[in-house]
Amino acid sequence: YWTPTLRSSLYGFYGELEYSAAASAVITTCGGAASCDWSYWSVGSRTVWNPVTNLDLSVDIMYNNVDGASGGGGTTDNTVGWLQGMVRAQRNFYP
């Protein structure tokens, strides 16, 4: 919390998929790469403003990165990164 009505959070994720050599040899979507392995990570931040009770206005910014099937050991680099954002308004109604 920066103030009683303004707060921020930081979050992230990492995941990867590793195939055996036999599985990579069978999978045809790797484009001739030595390995079909891939990994994905992201990091982001959300800032929320509470101008009045039960109303949240927020902004999310997140950077994502995928190291594709032929990236990590293959003949070409398929690393792709992108930035995304979201604006959200949420009103909570309690019984």
PDB file of N, CA and C in Angstrom:
ATOM      1  N   TYR A   1       0.845  -1.185   0.000  1.00  0.00           N
ATOM      2  CA  TYR A   1       0.000   0.000   0.000  1.00  0.00           C
ATOM      3  C   TYR A   1       0.888   1.245   0.000  1.00  0.00           C
ATOM      4  N   TRP A   2       0.630   2.126  -0.960  1.00  0.00           N
ATOM      5  CA  TRP A   2       1.318   3.410  -1.009  1.00  0.00           C
ATOM      6  C   TRP A   2       0.580   4.407  -0.119  1.00  0.00           C
ATOM      7  N   THR A   3      -0.752   4.364  -0.218  1.00  0.00           N
ATOM      8  CA  THR A   3      -1.646   5.158   0.624  1.00  0.00           C
ATOM      9  C   THR A   3      -2.839   4.248   0.926  1.00  0.00           C
ATOM     10  N   PRO A   4      -3.765   4.640   1.775  1.00  0.00           N
ATOM     11  CA  PRO A   4      -4.930   3.780   2.035  1.00  0.00           C
ATOM     12  C   PRO A   4      -5.764   3.475   0.779  1.00  0.00           C
ATOM     13  N   THR A   5      -5.659   4.298  -0.267  1.00  0.00           N
ATOM     14  CA  THR A   5      -6.463   4.069  -1.468  1.00  0.00           C
ATOM     15  C   THR A   5      -5.643   3.671  -2.693  1.00  0.00           C
ATOM     16  N   LEU A   6      -4.341   3.522  -2.558  1.00  0.00           N
ATOM     17  CA  LEU A   6      -3.482   3.194  -3.693  1.00  0.00           C
ATOM     18  C   LEU A   6      -2.513   2.076  -3.303  1.00  0.00           C
ATOM     19  N   ARG A   7      -2.508   1.006  -4.094  1.00  0.00           N
ATOM     20  CA  ARG A   7      -1.627  -0.119  -3.802  1.00  0.00           C
ATOM     21  C   ARG A   7      -1.077  -0.714  -5.097  1.00  0.00           C
ATOM     22  N   SER A   8       0.057  -1.374  -5.004  1.00  0.00           N
ATOM     23  CA  SER A   8       0.691  -2.025  -6.150  1.00  0.00           C
ATOM     24  C   SER A   8       1.125  -3.424  -5.770  1.00  0.00           C
ATOM     25  N   SER A   9       1.225  -4.279  -6.776  1.00  0.00           N
ATOM     26  CA  SER A   9       1.728  -5.631  -6.557  1.00  0.00           C
ATOM     27  C   SER A   9       2.637  -6.000  -7.724  1.00  0.00           C
ATOM     28  N   LEU A  10       3.534  -6.933  -7.473  1.00  0.00           N
ATOM     29  CA  LEU A  10       4.465  -7.436  -8.471  1.00  0.00           C
ATOM     30  C   LEU A  10       4.289  -8.942  -8.530  1.00  0.00           C
ATOM     31  N   TYR A  11       4.252  -9.515  -9.732  1.00  0.00           N
ATOM     32  CA  TYR A  11       4.059 -10.954  -9.864  1.00  0.00           C
ATOM     33  C   TYR A  11       4.879 -11.475 -11.034  1.00  0.00           C
ATOM     34  N   GLY A  12       5.094 -12.772 -11.061  1.00  0.00           N
ATOM     35  CA  GLY A  12       5.858 -13.376 -12.142  1.00  0.00           C
ATOM     36  C   GLY A  12       5.570 -14.858 -12.264  1.00  0.00           C
ATOM     37  N   PHE A  13       6.076 -15.428 -13.347  1.00  0.00           N
ATOM     38  CA  PHE A  13       5.840 -16.834 -13.646  1.00  0.00           C
ATOM     39  C   PHE A  13       6.991 -17.361 -14.489  1.00  0.00           C
ATOM     40  N   TYR A  14       7.352 -18.630 -14.277  1.00  0.00           N
ATOM     41  CA  TYR A  14       8.322 -19.301 -15.142  1.00  0.00           C
ATOM     42  C   TYR A  14       7.876 -20.747 -15.331  1.00  0.00           C
ATOM     43  N   GLY A  15       7.969 -21.230 -16.546  1.00  0.00           N
ATOM     44  CA  GLY A  15       7.638 -22.625 -16.839  1.00  0.00           C
ATOM     45  C   GLY A  15       8.426 -23.094 -18.045  1.00  0.00           C
ATOM     46  N   GLU A  16       8.677 -24.387 -18.104  1.00  0.00           N
ATOM     47  CA  GLU A  16       9.372 -24.941 -19.263  1.00  0.00           C
ATOM     48  C   GLU A  16       8.921 -26.359 -19.528  1.00  0.00           C
ATOM     49  N   LEU A  17       9.114 -26.780 -20.763  1.00  0.00           N
ATOM     50  CA  LEU A  17       8.768 -28.118 -21.190  1.00  0.00           C
ATOM     51  C   LEU A  17       9.987 -28.712 -21.881  1.00  0.00           C
ATOM     52  N   GLU A  18      10.420 -29.874 -21.411  1.00  0.00           N
ATOM     53  CA  GLU A  18      11.583 -30.535 -21.991  1.00  0.00           C
ATOM     54  C   GLU A  18      11.178 -31.907 -22.516  1.00  0.00           C
ATOM     55  N   TYR A  19      11.466 -32.142 -23.785  1.00  0.00           N
ATOM     56  CA  TYR A  19      11.192 -33.422 -24.422  1.00  0.00           C
ATOM     57  C   TYR A  19      12.450 -34.274 -24.449  1.00  0.00           C
ATOM     58  N   SER A  20      12.274 -35.578 -24.450  1.00  0.00           N
ATOM     59  CA  SER A  20      13.416 -36.471 -24.641  1.00  0.00           C
ATOM     60  C   SER A  20      13.870 -36.378 -26.096  1.00  0.00           C
ATOM     61  N   ALA A  21      15.055 -36.891 -26.390  1.00  0.00           N
ATOM     62  CA  ALA A  21      15.565 -36.870 -27.760  1.00  0.00           C
ATOM     63  C   ALA A  21      14.654 -37.661 -28.691  1.00  0.00           C
ATOM     64  N   ALA A  22      14.104 -38.777 -28.199  1.00  0.00           N
ATOM     65  CA  ALA A  22      13.208 -39.596 -29.020  1.00  0.00           C
ATOM     66  C   ALA A  22      11.918 -38.840 -29.339  1.00  0.00           C
ATOM     67  N   ALA A  23      11.376 -38.136 -28.362  1.00  0.00           N
ATOM     68  CA  ALA A  23      10.150 -37.377 -28.596  1.00  0.00           C
ATOM     69  C   ALA A  23      10.406 -36.223 -29.562  1.00  0.00           C
ATOM     70  N   SER A  24      11.525 -35.535 -29.410  1.00  0.00           N
ATOM     71  CA  SER A  24      11.859 -34.436 -30.321  1.00  0.00           C
ATOM     72  C   SER A  24      12.025 -34.929 -31.752  1.00  0.00           C
ATOM     73  N   ALA A  25      12.556 -36.154 -31.923  1.00  0.00           N
ATOM     74  CA  ALA A  25      12.735 -36.711 -33.266  1.00  0.00           C
ATOM     75  C   ALA A  25      11.403 -37.020 -33.927  1.00  0.00           C
ATOM     76  N   VAL A  26      10.387 -37.349 -33.142  1.00  0.00           N
ATOM     77  CA  VAL A  26       9.077 -37.712 -33.684  1.00  0.00           C
ATOM     78  C   VAL A  26       8.229 -36.474 -33.982  1.00  0.00           C
ATOM     79  N   ILE A  27       8.362 -35.437 -33.179  1.00  0.00           N
ATOM     80  CA  ILE A  27       7.548 -34.233 -33.339  1.00  0.00           C
ATOM     81  C   ILE A  27       8.020 -33.482 -34.583  1.00  0.00           C
ATOM     82  N   THR A  28       7.108 -33.230 -35.496  1.00  0.00           N
ATOM     83  CA  THR A  28       7.477 -32.607 -36.770  1.00  0.00           C
ATOM     84  C   THR A  28       7.312 -31.092 -36.765  1.00  0.00           C
ATOM     85  N   THR A  29       6.759 -30.511 -35.695  1.00  0.00           N
ATOM     86  CA  THR A  29       6.516 -29.072 -35.679  1.00  0.00           C
ATOM     87  C   THR A  29       7.714 -28.272 -35.187  1.00  0.00           C
ATOM     88  N   CYS A  30       8.848 -28.907 -34.943  1.00  0.00           N
ATOM     89  CA  CYS A  30      10.027 -28.193 -34.444  1.00  0.00           C
ATOM     90  C   CYS A  30      10.810 -27.524 -35.562  1.00  0.00           C
ATOM     91  N   GLY A  31      10.466 -27.747 -36.784  1.00  0.00           N
ATOM     92  CA  GLY A  31      11.140 -27.104 -37.897  1.00  0.00           C
ATOM     93  C   GLY A  31      12.570 -27.564 -38.087  1.00  0.00           C
ATOM     94  N   GLY A  32      12.858 -28.804 -37.825  1.00  0.00           N
ATOM     95  CA  GLY A  32      14.211 -29.318 -38.010  1.00  0.00           C
ATOM     96  C   GLY A  32      15.161 -29.000 -36.877  1.00  0.00           C
ATOM     97  N   ALA A  33      14.664 -28.454 -35.778  1.00  0.00           N
ATOM     98  CA  ALA A  33      15.528 -28.114 -34.657  1.00  0.00           C
ATOM     99  C   ALA A  33      15.984 -29.372 -33.941  1.00  0.00           C
ATOM    100  N   ALA A  34      17.111 -29.271 -33.243  1.00  0.00           N
ATOM    101  CA  ALA A  34      17.632 -30.408 -32.503  1.00  0.00           C
ATOM    102  C   ALA A  34      16.757 -30.747 -31.303  1.00  0.00           C
ATOM    103  N   SER A  35      15.990 -29.778 -30.815  1.00  0.00           N
ATOM    104  CA  SER A  35      15.175 -29.983 -29.628  1.00  0.00           C
ATOM    105  C   SER A  35      13.859 -29.233 -29.768  1.00  0.00           C
ATOM    106  N   CYS A  36      12.791 -29.826 -29.250  1.00  0.00           N
ATOM    107  CA  CYS A  36      11.481 -29.158 -29.248  1.00  0.00           C
ATOM    108  C   CYS A  36      11.201 -28.487 -27.910  1.00  0.00           C
ATOM    109  N   ASP A  37      12.187 -28.411 -27.039  1.00  0.00           N
ATOM    110  CA  ASP A  37      12.005 -27.811 -25.718  1.00  0.00           C
ATOM    111  C   ASP A  37      11.623 -26.331 -25.851  1.00  0.00           C
ATOM    112  N   TRP A  38      10.866 -25.847 -24.887  1.00  0.00           N
ATOM    113  CA  TRP A  38      10.540 -24.434 -24.845  1.00  0.00           C
ATOM    114  C   TRP A  38      10.393 -23.985 -23.398  1.00  0.00           C
ATOM    115  N   SER A  39      10.508 -22.685 -23.179  1.00  0.00           N
ATOM    116  CA  SER A  39      10.301 -22.107 -21.855  1.00  0.00           C
ATOM    117  C   SER A  39       9.521 -20.806 -22.002  1.00  0.00           C
ATOM    118  N   TYR A  40       8.870 -20.404 -20.908  1.00  0.00           N
ATOM    119  CA  TYR A  40       8.041 -19.210 -20.894  1.00  0.00           C
ATOM    120  C   TYR A  40       8.220 -18.533 -19.549  1.00  0.00           C
ATOM    121  N   TRP A  41       8.379 -17.214 -19.564  1.00  0.00           N
ATOM    122  CA  TRP A  41       8.397 -16.463 -18.313  1.00  0.00           C
ATOM    123  C   TRP A  41       7.695 -15.129 -18.504  1.00  0.00           C
ATOM    124  N   SER A  42       7.194 -14.605 -17.424  1.00  0.00           N
ATOM    125  CA  SER A  42       6.552 -13.296 -17.466  1.00  0.00           C
ATOM    126  C   SER A  42       6.739 -12.602 -16.125  1.00  0.00           C
ATOM    127  N   VAL A  43       6.720 -11.287 -16.161  1.00  0.00           N
ATOM    128  CA  VAL A  43       6.783 -10.473 -14.957  1.00  0.00           C
ATOM    129  C   VAL A  43       5.853  -9.283 -15.172  1.00  0.00           C
ATOM    130  N   GLY A  44       5.125  -8.926 -14.130  1.00  0.00           N
ATOM    131  CA  GLY A  44       4.163  -7.847 -14.277  1.00  0.00           C
ATOM    132  C   GLY A  44       3.913  -7.103 -12.981  1.00  0.00           C
ATOM    133  N   SER A  45       3.177  -6.033 -13.105  1.00  0.00           N
ATOM    134  CA  SER A  45       2.817  -5.217 -11.954  1.00  0.00           C
ATOM    135  C   SER A  45       1.392  -4.695 -12.138  1.00  0.00           C
ATOM    136  N   ARG A  46       0.673  -4.632 -11.037  1.00  0.00           N
ATOM    137  CA  ARG A  46      -0.681  -4.080 -11.033  1.00  0.00           C
ATOM    138  C   ARG A  46      -0.742  -2.960  -9.995  1.00  0.00           C
ATOM    139  N   THR A  47      -1.326  -1.846 -10.400  1.00  0.00           N
ATOM    140  CA  THR A  47      -1.570  -0.740  -9.479  1.00  0.00           C
ATOM    141  C   THR A  47      -3.075  -0.515  -9.429  1.00  0.00           C
ATOM    142  N   VAL A  48      -3.603  -0.471  -8.192  1.00  0.00           N
ATOM    143  CA  VAL A  48      -5.055  -0.337  -7.979  1.00  0.00           C
ATOM    144  C   VAL A  48      -5.320   0.923  -7.172  1.00  0.00           C
ATOM    145  N   TRP A  49      -6.306   1.680  -7.620  1.00  0.00           N
ATOM    146  CA  TRP A  49      -6.753   2.881  -6.915  1.00  0.00           C
ATOM    147  C   TRP A  49      -8.177   2.656  -6.458  1.00  0.00           C
ATOM    148  N   ASN A  50      -8.469   2.942  -5.183  1.00  0.00           N
ATOM    149  CA  ASN A  50      -9.797   2.842  -4.574  1.00  0.00           C
ATOM    150  C   ASN A  50     -10.339   4.250  -4.328  1.00  0.00           C
ATOM    151  N   PRO A  51     -10.954   4.891  -5.329  1.00  0.00           N
ATOM    152  CA  PRO A  51     -11.434   6.258  -5.092  1.00  0.00           C
ATOM    153  C   PRO A  51     -12.590   6.312  -4.092  1.00  0.00           C
ATOM    154  N   VAL A  52     -13.448   5.272  -4.101  1.00  0.00           N
ATOM    155  CA  VAL A  52     -14.546   5.158  -3.140  1.00  0.00           C
ATOM    156  C   VAL A  52     -14.646   3.696  -2.714  1.00  0.00           C
ATOM    157  N   THR A  53     -15.339   3.423  -1.644  1.00  0.00           N
ATOM    158  CA  THR A  53     -15.503   2.063  -1.144  1.00  0.00           C
ATOM    159  C   THR A  53     -16.117   1.163  -2.218  1.00  0.00           C
ATOM    160  N   ASN A  54     -15.564  -0.030  -2.371  1.00  0.00           N
ATOM    161  CA  ASN A  54     -16.036  -1.068  -3.300  1.00  0.00           C
ATOM    162  C   ASN A  54     -15.868  -0.729  -4.783  1.00  0.00           C
ATOM    163  N   LEU A  55     -15.022   0.231  -5.115  1.00  0.00           N
ATOM    164  CA  LEU A  55     -14.714   0.535  -6.509  1.00  0.00           C
ATOM    165  C   LEU A  55     -13.200   0.472  -6.689  1.00  0.00           C
ATOM    166  N   ASP A  56     -12.737  -0.418  -7.572  1.00  0.00           N
ATOM    167  CA  ASP A  56     -11.312  -0.557  -7.878  1.00  0.00           C
ATOM    168  C   ASP A  56     -11.065  -0.155  -9.321  1.00  0.00           C
ATOM    169  N   LEU A  57     -10.127   0.730  -9.542  1.00  0.00           N
ATOM    170  CA  LEU A  57      -9.655   1.096 -10.873  1.00  0.00           C
ATOM    171  C   LEU A  57      -8.195   0.665 -10.932  1.00  0.00           C
ATOM    172  N   SER A  58      -7.860  -0.186 -11.907  1.00  0.00           N
ATOM    173  CA  SER A  58      -6.505  -0.736 -11.914  1.00  0.00           C
ATOM    174  C   SER A  58      -5.888  -0.728 -13.306  1.00  0.00           C
ATOM    175  N   VAL A  59      -4.564  -0.768 -13.310  1.00  0.00           N
ATOM    176  CA  VAL A  59      -3.759  -0.854 -14.521  1.00  0.00           C
ATOM    177  C   VAL A  59      -2.753  -1.978 -14.317  1.00  0.00           C
ATOM    178  N   ASP A  60      -2.689  -2.902 -15.283  1.00  0.00           N
ATOM    179  CA  ASP A  60      -1.726  -4.005 -15.286  1.00  0.00           C
ATOM    180  C   ASP A  60      -0.775  -3.811 -16.449  1.00  0.00           C
ATOM    181  N   ILE A  61       0.513  -4.010 -16.203  1.00  0.00           N
ATOM    182  CA  ILE A  61       1.524  -4.039 -17.254  1.00  0.00           C
ATOM    183  C   ILE A  61       2.311  -5.328 -17.061  1.00  0.00           C
ATOM    184  N   MET A  62       2.481  -6.110 -18.147  1.00  0.00           N
ATOM    185  CA  MET A  62       3.184  -7.389 -18.038  1.00  0.00           C
ATOM    186  C   MET A  62       4.078  -7.592 -19.257  1.00  0.00           C
ATOM    187  N   TYR A  63       5.308  -8.084 -18.994  1.00  0.00           N
ATOM    188  CA  TYR A  63       6.209  -8.463 -20.073  1.00  0.00           C
ATOM    189  C   TYR A  63       6.267  -9.989 -20.116  1.00  0.00           C
ATOM    190  N   ASN A  64       6.134 -10.573 -21.314  1.00  0.00           N
ATOM    191  CA  ASN A  64       6.149 -12.020 -21.522  1.00  0.00           C
ATOM    192  C   ASN A  64       7.290 -12.384 -22.457  1.00  0.00           C
ATOM    193  N   ASN A  65       7.861 -13.579 -22.259  1.00  0.00           N
ATOM    194  CA  ASN A  65       8.943 -14.047 -23.116  1.00  0.00           C
ATOM    195  C   ASN A  65       8.802 -15.545 -23.319  1.00  0.00           C
ATOM    196  N   VAL A  66       8.867 -15.978 -24.583  1.00  0.00           N
ATOM    197  CA  VAL A  66       8.824 -17.400 -24.923  1.00  0.00           C
ATOM    198  C   VAL A  66      10.096 -17.733 -25.686  1.00  0.00           C
ATOM    199  N   ASP A  67      10.814 -18.724 -25.200  1.00  0.00           N
ATOM    200  CA  ASP A  67      11.974 -19.253 -25.909  1.00  0.00           C
ATOM    201  C   ASP A  67      11.483 -20.506 -26.603  1.00  0.00           C
ATOM    202  N   GLY A  68      11.209 -20.397 -27.900  1.00  0.00           N
ATOM    203  CA  GLY A  68      10.494 -21.416 -28.645  1.00  0.00           C
ATOM    204  C   GLY A  68      11.236 -22.699 -28.902  1.00  0.00           C
ATOM    205  N   ALA A  69      10.587 -23.554 -29.666  1.00  0.00           N
ATOM    206  CA  ALA A  69      11.043 -24.925 -29.894  1.00  0.00           C
ATOM    207  C   ALA A  69      12.454 -25.011 -30.443  1.00  0.00           C
ATOM    208  N   SER A  70      12.826 -24.120 -31.318  1.00  0.00           N
ATOM    209  CA  SER A  70      14.177 -24.235 -31.848  1.00  0.00           C
ATOM    210  C   SER A  70      15.124 -23.246 -31.203  1.00  0.00           C
ATOM    211  N   GLY A  71      14.671 -22.547 -30.211  1.00  0.00           N
ATOM    212  CA  GLY A  71      15.516 -21.655 -29.454  1.00  0.00           C
ATOM    213  C   GLY A  71      16.388 -22.306 -28.431  1.00  0.00           C
ATOM    214  N   GLY A  72      16.902 -22.689 -27.679  1.00  0.00           N
ATOM    215  CA  GLY A  72      17.634 -23.423 -26.695  1.00  0.00           C
ATOM    216  C   GLY A  72      18.346 -24.626 -27.231  1.00  0.00           C
ATOM    217  N   GLY A  73      19.146 -24.515 -28.240  1.00  0.00           N
ATOM    218  CA  GLY A  73      19.890 -25.671 -28.715  1.00  0.00           C
ATOM    219  C   GLY A  73      19.647 -25.985 -30.163  1.00  0.00           C
ATOM    220  N   GLY A  74      18.685 -25.371 -30.783  1.00  0.00           N
ATOM    221  CA  GLY A  74      18.389 -25.639 -32.186  1.00  0.00           C
ATOM    222  C   GLY A  74      19.258 -24.800 -33.106  1.00  0.00           C
ATOM    223  N   THR A  75      18.929 -24.799 -34.369  1.00  0.00           N
ATOM    224  CA  THR A  75      19.732 -24.077 -35.344  1.00  0.00           C
ATOM    225  C   THR A  75      19.322 -22.619 -35.469  1.00  0.00           C
ATOM    226  N   THR A  76      18.124 -22.268 -35.046  1.00  0.00           N
ATOM    227  CA  THR A  76      17.676 -20.876 -35.098  1.00  0.00           C
ATOM    228  C   THR A  76      17.146 -20.469 -33.733  1.00  0.00           C
ATOM    229  N   ASP A  77      17.007 -19.177 -33.533  1.00  0.00           N
ATOM    230  CA  ASP A  77      16.529 -18.656 -32.252  1.00  0.00           C
ATOM    231  C   ASP A  77      15.094 -18.179 -32.417  1.00  0.00           C
ATOM    232  N   ASN A  78      14.161 -18.815 -31.719  1.00  0.00           N
ATOM    233  CA  ASN A  78      12.748 -18.435 -31.782  1.00  0.00           C
ATOM    234  C   ASN A  78      12.298 -17.716 -30.528  1.00  0.00           C
ATOM    235  N   THR A  79      13.149 -16.929 -29.927  1.00  0.00           N
ATOM    236  CA  THR A  79      12.772 -16.194 -28.731  1.00  0.00           C
ATOM    237  C   THR A  79      11.886 -15.016 -29.119  1.00  0.00           C
ATOM    238  N   VAL A  80      10.739 -14.920 -28.452  1.00  0.00           N
ATOM    239  CA  VAL A  80       9.781 -13.849 -28.724  1.00  0.00           C
ATOM    240  C   VAL A  80       9.402 -13.210 -27.401  1.00  0.00           C
ATOM    241  N   GLY A  81       9.404 -11.892 -27.360  1.00  0.00           N
ATOM    242  CA  GLY A  81       8.987 -11.173 -26.169  1.00  0.00           C
ATOM    243  C   GLY A  81       7.953 -10.131 -26.539  1.00  0.00           C
ATOM    244  N   TRP A  82       7.018  -9.871 -25.639  1.00  0.00           N
ATOM    245  CA  TRP A  82       6.004  -8.860 -25.909  1.00  0.00           C
ATOM    246  C   TRP A  82       5.526  -8.248 -24.603  1.00  0.00           C
ATOM    247  N   LEU A  83       5.007  -7.034 -24.730  1.00  0.00           N
ATOM    248  CA  LEU A  83       4.485  -6.278 -23.610  1.00  0.00           C
ATOM    249  C   LEU A  83       2.977  -6.205 -23.748  1.00  0.00           C
ATOM    250  N   GLN A  84       2.270  -6.382 -22.654  1.00  0.00           N
ATOM    251  CA  GLN A  84       0.816  -6.267 -22.702  1.00  0.00           C
ATOM    252  C   GLN A  84       0.333  -5.448 -21.517  1.00  0.00           C
ATOM    253  N   GLY A  85      -0.825  -4.868 -21.679  1.00  0.00           N
ATOM    254  CA  GLY A  85      -1.402  -4.050 -20.621  1.00  0.00           C
ATOM    255  C   GLY A  85      -2.899  -4.242 -20.538  1.00  0.00           C
ATOM    256  N   MET A  86      -3.453  -3.881 -19.397  1.00  0.00           N
ATOM    257  CA  MET A  86      -4.889  -4.008 -19.196  1.00  0.00           C
ATOM    258  C   MET A  86      -5.346  -2.906 -18.240  1.00  0.00           C
ATOM    259  N   VAL A  87      -6.487  -2.330 -18.538  1.00  0.00           N
ATOM    260  CA  VAL A  87      -7.127  -1.360 -17.655  1.00  0.00           C
ATOM    261  C   VAL A  87      -8.424  -1.988 -17.191  1.00  0.00           C
ATOM    262  N   ARG A  88      -8.694  -1.889 -15.887  1.00  0.00           N
ATOM    263  CA  ARG A  88      -9.867  -2.569 -15.343  1.00  0.00           C
ATOM    264  C   ARG A  88     -10.601  -1.673 -14.351  1.00  0.00           C
ATOM    265  N   ALA A  89     -11.932  -1.710 -14.421  1.00  0.00           N
ATOM    266  CA  ALA A  89     -12.794  -1.048 -13.446  1.00  0.00           C
ATOM    267  C   ALA A  89     -13.687  -2.129 -12.845  1.00  0.00           C
ATOM    268  N   GLN A  90     -13.683  -2.230 -11.517  1.00  0.00           N
ATOM    269  CA  GLN A  90     -14.472  -3.261 -10.838  1.00  0.00           C
ATOM    270  C   GLN A  90     -15.266  -2.633  -9.709  1.00  0.00           C
ATOM    271  N   ARG A  91     -16.550  -2.839  -9.757  1.00  0.00           N
ATOM    272  CA  ARG A  91     -17.453  -2.361  -8.697  1.00  0.00           C
ATOM    273  C   ARG A  91     -18.001  -3.585  -7.971  1.00  0.00           C
ATOM    274  N   ASN A  92     -17.861  -3.632  -6.661  1.00  0.00           N
ATOM    275  CA  ASN A  92     -18.351  -4.746  -5.843  1.00  0.00           C
ATOM    276  C   ASN A  92     -19.639  -4.330  -5.136  1.00  0.00           C
ATOM    277  N   PHE A  93     -20.653  -5.175  -5.270  1.00  0.00           N
ATOM    278  CA  PHE A  93     -21.926  -4.958  -4.599  1.00  0.00           C
ATOM    279  C   PHE A  93     -22.125  -6.068  -3.577  1.00  0.00           C
ATOM    280  N   TYR A  94     -22.252  -5.706  -2.352  1.00  0.00           N
ATOM    281  CA  TYR A  94     -22.420  -6.689  -1.282  1.00  0.00           C
ATOM    282  C   TYR A  94     -23.893  -6.752  -0.872  1.00  0.00           C
ATOM    283  N   PRO A  95     -24.361  -7.924  -0.462  1.00  0.00           N
ATOM    284  CA  PRO A  95     -25.781  -8.043  -0.052  1.00  0.00           C
ATOM    285  C   PRO A  95     -26.101  -7.246   1.193  1.00  0.00           C
TER     286      PRO A  95
END
